[in-house]
Amino acid sequence: MQEYLIFTGTVTQGLKGRDILRKKGIKADVRKVSGNEKGIGCGYAIVIKDNVRLAEEMLMQNGIKILKKTKKDI
């Protein structure tokens, strides 16, 4: 199984993004990530299991800045 991490700069952006996705029916959570996992310093990521392209599109349309996105086996 895989999950996708969409990295945001702040917890506020992460929570706002999570709420946007949930309202559209995409299951999403927010996770604090270390600098090693993120590759660009400590921060927060929105975690989803599917619909990553739709989620990314929705976040950008709502002003959520995406710093990076990765796929991770769980």
Protein backbone atom coordinates (compact mmCIF):
# COMPACT_ATOMS: atom_id res chain seq x y z
CA MET A 1 0.00 0.00 0.00
CA GLN A 2 1.17 3.53 -0.70
CA GLU A 3 0.53 6.98 0.62
CA TYR A 4 1.30 10.36 -0.88
CA LEU A 5 2.79 13.22 1.09
CA ILE A 6 2.10 16.74 -0.15
CA PHE A 7 4.46 19.05 1.72
CA THR A 8 3.37 22.49 2.90
CA GLY A 9 5.42 25.11 4.69
CA THR A 10 3.26 25.53 7.79
CA VAL A 11 0.79 23.62 9.90
CA THR A 12 -1.82 26.26 9.04
CA GLN A 13 -1.47 25.55 5.31
CA GLY A 14 -1.53 21.82 6.02
CA LEU A 15 -4.72 22.00 8.07
CA LYS A 16 -6.42 24.30 5.57
CA GLY A 17 -5.47 21.93 2.74
CA ARG A 18 -6.68 18.90 4.67
CA ASP A 19 -10.05 20.56 5.27
CA ILE A 20 -10.41 21.49 1.58
CA LEU A 21 -9.75 17.90 0.53
CA ARG A 22 -12.08 16.41 3.13
CA LYS A 23 -14.92 18.67 2.00
CA LYS A 24 -14.45 17.24 -1.51
CA GLY A 25 -14.53 13.65 -0.24
CA ILE A 26 -10.79 12.92 -0.25
CA LYS A 27 -9.55 11.32 2.96
CA ALA A 28 -6.63 13.44 4.18
CA ASP A 29 -4.55 13.90 7.32
CA VAL A 30 -1.70 16.21 8.35
CA ARG A 31 1.64 14.94 9.60
CA LYS A 32 4.69 16.72 10.96
CA VAL A 33 7.77 15.65 8.99
CA SER A 34 11.45 15.85 9.79
CA GLY A 35 14.03 17.53 7.61
CA ASN A 36 15.41 14.15 6.53
CA GLU A 37 12.07 12.96 5.16
CA LYS A 38 11.22 16.25 3.53
CA GLY A 39 14.62 17.21 2.13
CA ILE A 40 13.93 20.93 2.62
CA GLY A 41 13.80 21.37 6.39
CA CYS A 42 11.15 20.51 8.96
CA GLY A 43 7.53 21.12 8.12
CA TYR A 44 4.14 19.54 7.55
CA ALA A 45 2.63 17.29 4.92
CA ILE A 46 -0.90 16.48 3.88
CA VAL A 47 -1.16 12.69 3.66
CA ILE A 48 -3.53 11.01 1.21
CA LYS A 49 -3.86 7.49 -0.17
CA ASP A 50 -5.27 8.18 -3.63
CA ASN A 51 -6.55 10.89 -6.01
CA VAL A 52 -3.21 12.68 -5.75
CA ARG A 53 -3.57 14.63 -9.00
CA LEU A 54 -7.06 15.81 -8.12
CA ALA A 55 -5.91 16.73 -4.61
CA GLU A 56 -2.92 18.67 -5.91
CA GLU A 57 -5.13 20.56 -8.36
CA MET A 58 -7.68 21.42 -5.66
CA LEU A 59 -4.99 22.63 -3.27
CA MET A 60 -3.38 24.90 -5.86
CA GLN A 61 -6.78 26.33 -6.86
CA ASN A 62 -7.34 27.24 -3.21
CA GLY A 63 -3.99 28.95 -2.69
CA ILE A 64 -2.18 26.16 -0.84
CA LYS A 65 1.53 26.30 -1.70
CA ILE A 66 2.92 22.84 -2.44
CA LEU A 67 6.63 22.63 -1.70
CA LYS A 68 7.13 19.00 -2.72
CA LYS A 69 5.22 15.75 -3.15
CA THR A 70 6.42 12.20 -2.61
CA LYS A 71 5.07 8.67 -2.69
CA LYS A 72 5.86 6.35 0.21
CA ASP A 73 5.29 2.63 0.73
CA ILE A 74 3.54 1.84 4.01
